[in-house]
Amino acid sequence: MINGAHTIIYASNAEATRAFFRDVLEFPHVDAGDGWLIFKSPPGELAVHPADPQAAGDSELFLMCDDLAATVTDLKAKGVEFTTDISHQGWGLVITLAVPGAGTLSLYQPRHDTAYDLE
């Protein structure tokens, strides 16, 4: 049966993106060979949202945290650039950060029940 999920981020500068996940976010990793790093993801969830037919099949990656303000402060101290301010959504607090060589990611503090720790 299915035992995991493998997420891919396509990057124009894979080395810079890998360094960001390794050195700034400090994600544990293995080297699959020749510097090809595979990162351990935090516990995850999968949500299915309705979409217009043109957007069906698109996907997004949101990183989650327990205290968004504290996490933003920590990441700013490491030089992370945020491309939006924290916004209050009904489902949580969210901000967007720049990932070197790979665009942006959203970071959020959920205000809903989470599924990532279900057994």
N, C-alpha and C. Protein backbone atom coordinates (compact mmCIF):
# COMPACT_ATOMS: atom_id res chain seq x y z
N MET A 1 0.83 -1.18 0.00
CA MET A 1 0.00 0.00 0.00
C MET A 1 0.88 1.25 0.00
N ILE A 2 0.30 2.40 -0.16
CA ILE A 2 1.05 3.65 -0.21
C ILE A 2 1.67 3.91 1.16
N ASN A 3 2.97 4.26 1.16
CA ASN A 3 3.66 4.48 2.42
C ASN A 3 4.30 5.86 2.54
N GLY A 4 4.04 6.74 1.58
CA GLY A 4 4.62 8.08 1.65
C GLY A 4 4.27 8.89 0.42
N ALA A 5 4.71 10.12 0.42
CA ALA A 5 4.52 11.01 -0.72
C ALA A 5 5.85 11.68 -1.02
N HIS A 6 6.15 11.88 -2.29
CA HIS A 6 7.39 12.51 -2.73
C HIS A 6 7.00 13.81 -3.42
N THR A 7 7.35 14.94 -2.80
CA THR A 7 7.03 16.25 -3.35
C THR A 7 8.22 16.75 -4.15
N ILE A 8 7.94 17.38 -5.29
CA ILE A 8 9.01 17.91 -6.14
C ILE A 8 8.81 19.42 -6.29
N ILE A 9 9.88 20.17 -6.10
CA ILE A 9 9.89 21.59 -6.40
C ILE A 9 10.84 21.77 -7.58
N TYR A 10 10.35 22.31 -8.67
CA TYR A 10 11.19 22.58 -9.83
C TYR A 10 11.85 23.93 -9.64
N ALA A 11 13.16 23.98 -9.81
CA ALA A 11 13.93 25.19 -9.52
C ALA A 11 14.83 25.55 -10.68
N SER A 12 14.91 26.83 -10.97
CA SER A 12 15.84 27.29 -12.00
C SER A 12 17.27 27.28 -11.47
N ASN A 13 17.43 27.30 -10.16
CA ASN A 13 18.74 27.21 -9.52
C ASN A 13 18.61 26.17 -8.40
N ALA A 14 18.71 24.91 -8.78
CA ALA A 14 18.49 23.82 -7.82
C ALA A 14 19.48 23.87 -6.66
N GLU A 15 20.72 24.27 -6.90
CA GLU A 15 21.70 24.35 -5.82
C GLU A 15 21.27 25.36 -4.76
N ALA A 16 20.81 26.54 -5.19
CA ALA A 16 20.36 27.56 -4.25
C ALA A 16 19.13 27.10 -3.49
N THR A 17 18.22 26.43 -4.18
CA THR A 17 17.01 25.94 -3.53
C THR A 17 17.34 24.86 -2.52
N ARG A 18 18.22 23.94 -2.90
CA ARG A 18 18.63 22.89 -1.96
C ARG A 18 19.33 23.49 -0.75
N ALA A 19 20.19 24.47 -0.97
CA ALA A 19 20.89 25.12 0.14
C ALA A 19 19.90 25.80 1.07
N PHE A 20 18.85 26.40 0.54
CA PHE A 20 17.83 27.05 1.36
C PHE A 20 17.15 26.03 2.27
N PHE A 21 16.74 24.90 1.71
CA PHE A 21 16.08 23.88 2.53
C PHE A 21 17.05 23.24 3.52
N ARG A 22 18.29 23.07 3.11
CA ARG A 22 19.31 22.45 3.98
C ARG A 22 19.78 23.41 5.06
N ASP A 23 20.18 24.62 4.68
CA ASP A 23 20.87 25.53 5.60
C ASP A 23 19.96 26.50 6.33
N VAL A 24 18.90 26.96 5.67
CA VAL A 24 18.03 27.96 6.29
C VAL A 24 16.87 27.27 7.01
N LEU A 25 16.15 26.41 6.31
CA LEU A 25 15.03 25.71 6.95
C LEU A 25 15.49 24.51 7.77
N GLU A 26 16.72 24.07 7.54
CA GLU A 26 17.36 22.98 8.29
C GLU A 26 16.58 21.67 8.21
N PHE A 27 16.08 21.36 7.01
CA PHE A 27 15.39 20.08 6.80
C PHE A 27 16.43 18.97 6.76
N PRO A 28 16.23 17.89 7.52
CA PRO A 28 17.12 16.73 7.42
C PRO A 28 17.07 16.18 5.99
N HIS A 29 18.17 15.57 5.55
CA HIS A 29 18.22 15.11 4.16
C HIS A 29 19.20 13.95 4.00
N VAL A 30 19.07 13.32 2.86
CA VAL A 30 20.04 12.32 2.42
C VAL A 30 20.57 12.80 1.07
N ASP A 31 21.76 12.35 0.74
CA ASP A 31 22.33 12.65 -0.57
C ASP A 31 22.13 11.40 -1.42
N ALA A 32 21.27 11.51 -2.42
CA ALA A 32 20.97 10.38 -3.30
C ALA A 32 22.07 10.16 -4.33
N GLY A 33 23.11 10.98 -4.28
CA GLY A 33 24.24 10.86 -5.19
C GLY A 33 24.51 12.16 -5.91
N ASP A 34 25.78 12.53 -6.00
CA ASP A 34 26.21 13.72 -6.72
C ASP A 34 25.55 15.00 -6.23
N GLY A 35 25.29 15.09 -4.91
CA GLY A 35 24.70 16.29 -4.35
C GLY A 35 23.21 16.43 -4.55
N TRP A 36 22.57 15.36 -5.03
CA TRP A 36 21.12 15.38 -5.25
C TRP A 36 20.46 15.10 -3.91
N LEU A 37 20.07 16.17 -3.20
CA LEU A 37 19.54 16.03 -1.85
C LEU A 37 18.05 15.70 -1.88
N ILE A 38 17.67 14.76 -1.04
CA ILE A 38 16.26 14.41 -0.82
C ILE A 38 15.97 14.78 0.64
N PHE A 39 15.00 15.65 0.84
CA PHE A 39 14.72 16.18 2.17
C PHE A 39 13.59 15.43 2.85
N LYS A 40 13.74 15.27 4.14
CA LYS A 40 12.64 14.75 4.94
C LYS A 40 11.63 15.88 5.10
N SER A 41 10.42 15.63 4.72
CA SER A 41 9.36 16.62 4.85
C SER A 41 8.80 16.59 6.26
N PRO A 42 8.28 17.73 6.69
CA PRO A 42 7.55 17.71 7.96
C PRO A 42 6.30 16.84 7.79
N PRO A 43 5.65 16.47 8.89
CA PRO A 43 4.39 15.74 8.75
C PRO A 43 3.48 16.50 7.80
N GLY A 44 2.69 15.80 7.04
CA GLY A 44 1.90 16.47 6.01
C GLY A 44 0.43 16.13 6.02
N GLU A 45 -0.28 16.89 5.24
CA GLU A 45 -1.70 16.69 5.00
C GLU A 45 -1.94 16.85 3.51
N LEU A 46 -3.05 16.37 3.05
CA LEU A 46 -3.46 16.54 1.66
C LEU A 46 -4.89 17.04 1.66
N ALA A 47 -5.11 18.19 1.05
CA ALA A 47 -6.46 18.75 0.94
C ALA A 47 -6.84 18.80 -0.53
N VAL A 48 -8.10 18.62 -0.81
CA VAL A 48 -8.62 18.72 -2.18
C VAL A 48 -9.59 19.89 -2.20
N HIS A 49 -9.27 20.88 -3.01
CA HIS A 49 -10.09 22.09 -3.12
C HIS A 49 -10.79 22.10 -4.47
N PRO A 50 -11.99 22.64 -4.54
CA PRO A 50 -12.65 22.77 -5.83
C PRO A 50 -11.90 23.77 -6.70
N ALA A 51 -11.95 23.58 -8.01
CA ALA A 51 -11.24 24.48 -8.93
C ALA A 51 -12.00 24.58 -10.24
N ASP A 52 -11.76 25.67 -10.91
CA ASP A 52 -12.26 25.81 -12.28
C ASP A 52 -11.55 24.76 -13.14
N PRO A 53 -12.17 24.33 -14.21
CA PRO A 53 -11.53 23.31 -15.05
C PRO A 53 -10.12 23.67 -15.50
N GLN A 54 -9.83 24.96 -15.71
CA GLN A 54 -8.49 25.37 -16.15
C GLN A 54 -7.45 25.16 -15.06
N ALA A 55 -7.86 25.19 -13.80
CA ALA A 55 -6.92 25.04 -12.70
C ALA A 55 -6.88 23.61 -12.15
N ALA A 56 -7.77 22.76 -12.60
CA ALA A 56 -7.79 21.37 -12.10
C ALA A 56 -6.44 20.72 -12.38
N GLY A 57 -5.90 20.06 -11.40
CA GLY A 57 -4.60 19.40 -11.52
C GLY A 57 -3.46 20.24 -11.00
N ASP A 58 -3.68 21.53 -10.76
CA ASP A 58 -2.64 22.37 -10.16
C ASP A 58 -2.44 21.94 -8.71
N SER A 59 -1.28 22.25 -8.16
CA SER A 59 -1.03 21.93 -6.76
C SER A 59 -0.21 23.04 -6.12
N GLU A 60 -0.25 23.12 -4.81
CA GLU A 60 0.50 24.10 -4.05
C GLU A 60 1.13 23.41 -2.85
N LEU A 61 2.22 23.97 -2.37
CA LEU A 61 2.86 23.47 -1.16
C LEU A 61 2.81 24.59 -0.13
N PHE A 62 2.19 24.32 1.00
CA PHE A 62 2.17 25.23 2.14
C PHE A 62 2.95 24.56 3.26
N LEU A 63 3.90 25.27 3.86
CA LEU A 63 4.54 24.79 5.07
C LEU A 63 3.72 25.27 6.25
N MET A 64 3.67 24.49 7.32
CA MET A 64 2.83 24.80 8.48
C MET A 64 3.70 25.03 9.71
N CYS A 65 3.18 25.84 10.63
CA CYS A 65 3.87 26.06 11.90
C CYS A 65 2.83 26.33 12.98
N ASP A 66 3.27 26.25 14.25
CA ASP A 66 2.38 26.49 15.38
C ASP A 66 2.26 27.96 15.74
N ASP A 67 3.30 28.75 15.47
CA ASP A 67 3.33 30.16 15.84
C ASP A 67 3.95 30.93 14.68
N LEU A 68 3.10 31.49 13.82
CA LEU A 68 3.59 32.13 12.60
C LEU A 68 4.47 33.34 12.92
N ALA A 69 4.06 34.17 13.85
CA ALA A 69 4.86 35.36 14.16
C ALA A 69 6.26 34.98 14.62
N ALA A 70 6.39 34.00 15.48
CA ALA A 70 7.70 33.57 15.97
C ALA A 70 8.52 32.94 14.85
N THR A 71 7.88 32.16 13.99
CA THR A 71 8.59 31.52 12.88
C THR A 71 9.09 32.56 11.90
N VAL A 72 8.27 33.56 11.61
CA VAL A 72 8.69 34.65 10.71
C VAL A 72 9.90 35.38 11.30
N THR A 73 9.86 35.66 12.58
CA THR A 73 10.99 36.33 13.25
C THR A 73 12.26 35.51 13.11
N ASP A 74 12.17 34.20 13.37
CA ASP A 74 13.33 33.31 13.25
C ASP A 74 13.87 33.28 11.82
N LEU A 75 12.97 33.18 10.85
CA LEU A 75 13.40 33.09 9.46
C LEU A 75 13.98 34.42 8.96
N LYS A 76 13.42 35.53 9.39
CA LYS A 76 13.98 36.84 9.01
C LYS A 76 15.41 36.97 9.53
N ALA A 77 15.66 36.44 10.73
CA ALA A 77 17.01 36.49 11.30
C ALA A 77 18.00 35.68 10.47
N LYS A 78 17.48 34.72 9.70
CA LYS A 78 18.32 33.90 8.81
C LYS A 78 18.37 34.48 7.40
N GLY A 79 17.77 35.64 7.20
CA GLY A 79 17.83 36.31 5.91
C GLY A 79 16.72 35.97 4.94
N VAL A 80 15.68 35.27 5.40
CA VAL A 80 14.58 34.91 4.51
C VAL A 80 13.81 36.16 4.13
N GLU A 81 13.49 36.27 2.84
CA GLU A 81 12.70 37.38 2.32
C GLU A 81 11.24 36.97 2.25
N PHE A 82 10.38 37.77 2.81
CA PHE A 82 8.93 37.53 2.74
C PHE A 82 8.34 38.45 1.68
N THR A 83 7.49 37.90 0.85
CA THR A 83 6.94 38.66 -0.27
C THR A 83 5.54 39.20 0.02
N THR A 84 4.95 38.82 1.13
CA THR A 84 3.68 39.36 1.58
C THR A 84 3.76 39.58 3.08
N ASP A 85 2.79 40.30 3.60
CA ASP A 85 2.62 40.42 5.04
C ASP A 85 1.75 39.27 5.52
N ILE A 86 1.73 39.04 6.82
CA ILE A 86 0.82 38.04 7.39
C ILE A 86 -0.61 38.49 7.13
N SER A 87 -1.41 37.58 6.61
CA SER A 87 -2.83 37.88 6.42
C SER A 87 -3.66 36.90 7.24
N HIS A 88 -4.77 37.41 7.73
CA HIS A 88 -5.68 36.61 8.54
C HIS A 88 -6.75 36.05 7.61
N GLN A 89 -6.73 34.75 7.43
CA GLN A 89 -7.74 34.06 6.64
C GLN A 89 -8.67 33.35 7.62
N GLY A 90 -9.81 32.92 7.19
CA GLY A 90 -10.69 32.20 8.10
C GLY A 90 -10.08 30.90 8.59
N TRP A 91 -9.27 30.28 7.77
CA TRP A 91 -8.69 28.98 8.07
C TRP A 91 -7.34 29.07 8.75
N GLY A 92 -6.74 30.29 8.80
CA GLY A 92 -5.45 30.43 9.45
C GLY A 92 -4.77 31.74 9.12
N LEU A 93 -3.55 31.88 9.62
CA LEU A 93 -2.70 33.02 9.33
C LEU A 93 -1.71 32.57 8.26
N VAL A 94 -1.45 33.40 7.25
CA VAL A 94 -0.60 32.98 6.14
C VAL A 94 0.32 34.11 5.70
N ILE A 95 1.51 33.72 5.24
CA ILE A 95 2.49 34.65 4.68
C ILE A 95 3.21 33.90 3.55
N THR A 96 3.80 34.65 2.64
CA THR A 96 4.52 34.05 1.53
C THR A 96 5.99 34.41 1.62
N LEU A 97 6.85 33.44 1.38
CA LEU A 97 8.29 33.67 1.44
C LEU A 97 8.95 33.29 0.13
N ALA A 98 10.05 33.95 -0.16
CA ALA A 98 10.82 33.68 -1.37
C ALA A 98 11.75 32.49 -1.14
N VAL A 99 11.76 31.58 -2.11
CA VAL A 99 12.68 30.44 -2.08
C VAL A 99 13.69 30.66 -3.19
N PRO A 100 14.97 30.81 -2.87
CA PRO A 100 15.97 31.06 -3.91
C PRO A 100 15.90 30.03 -5.04
N GLY A 101 15.75 30.52 -6.25
CA GLY A 101 15.72 29.65 -7.41
C GLY A 101 14.42 28.94 -7.66
N ALA A 102 13.41 29.16 -6.80
CA ALA A 102 12.18 28.37 -6.96
C ALA A 102 10.91 29.16 -6.63
N GLY A 103 10.91 30.45 -6.80
CA GLY A 103 9.68 31.21 -6.60
C GLY A 103 9.33 31.43 -5.14
N THR A 104 8.08 31.13 -4.80
CA THR A 104 7.60 31.39 -3.45
C THR A 104 6.89 30.16 -2.87
N LEU A 105 6.81 30.15 -1.55
CA LEU A 105 6.03 29.16 -0.81
C LEU A 105 5.20 29.91 0.21
N SER A 106 4.08 29.34 0.55
CA SER A 106 3.27 29.91 1.63
C SER A 106 3.59 29.18 2.92
N LEU A 107 3.55 29.92 4.01
CA LEU A 107 3.76 29.40 5.34
C LEU A 107 2.53 29.80 6.14
N TYR A 108 1.95 28.83 6.85
CA TYR A 108 0.75 29.20 7.59
C TYR A 108 0.62 28.51 8.93
N GLN A 109 -0.14 29.20 9.79
CA GLN A 109 -0.52 28.70 11.10
C GLN A 109 -1.99 28.36 11.01
N PRO A 110 -2.33 27.07 10.99
CA PRO A 110 -3.75 26.71 10.82
C PRO A 110 -4.60 27.11 12.02
N ARG A 111 -5.83 27.42 11.72
CA ARG A 111 -6.84 27.70 12.74
C ARG A 111 -7.97 26.69 12.62
N HIS A 112 -7.64 25.55 12.09
CA HIS A 112 -8.61 24.47 11.91
C HIS A 112 -8.00 23.19 12.46
N ASP A 113 -8.78 22.18 12.64
CA ASP A 113 -8.25 20.89 13.04
C ASP A 113 -7.25 20.43 11.99
N THR A 114 -6.17 19.81 12.42
CA THR A 114 -5.18 19.31 11.48
C THR A 114 -5.24 17.78 11.40
N ALA A 115 -4.74 17.26 10.29
CA ALA A 115 -4.77 15.82 10.07
C ALA A 115 -3.39 15.18 10.11
N TYR A 116 -2.32 15.99 10.17
CA TYR A 116 -0.98 15.44 10.01
C TYR A 116 -0.53 14.54 11.14
N ASP A 117 -1.22 14.55 12.27
CA ASP A 117 -0.81 13.68 13.38
C ASP A 117 -1.82 12.57 13.67
N LEU A 118 -2.72 12.34 12.74
CA LEU A 118 -3.68 11.24 12.92
C LEU A 118 -2.98 9.90 12.78
N GLU A 119 -3.43 8.94 13.51
CA GLU A 119 -2.87 7.58 13.40
C GLU A 119 -3.79 6.74 12.56
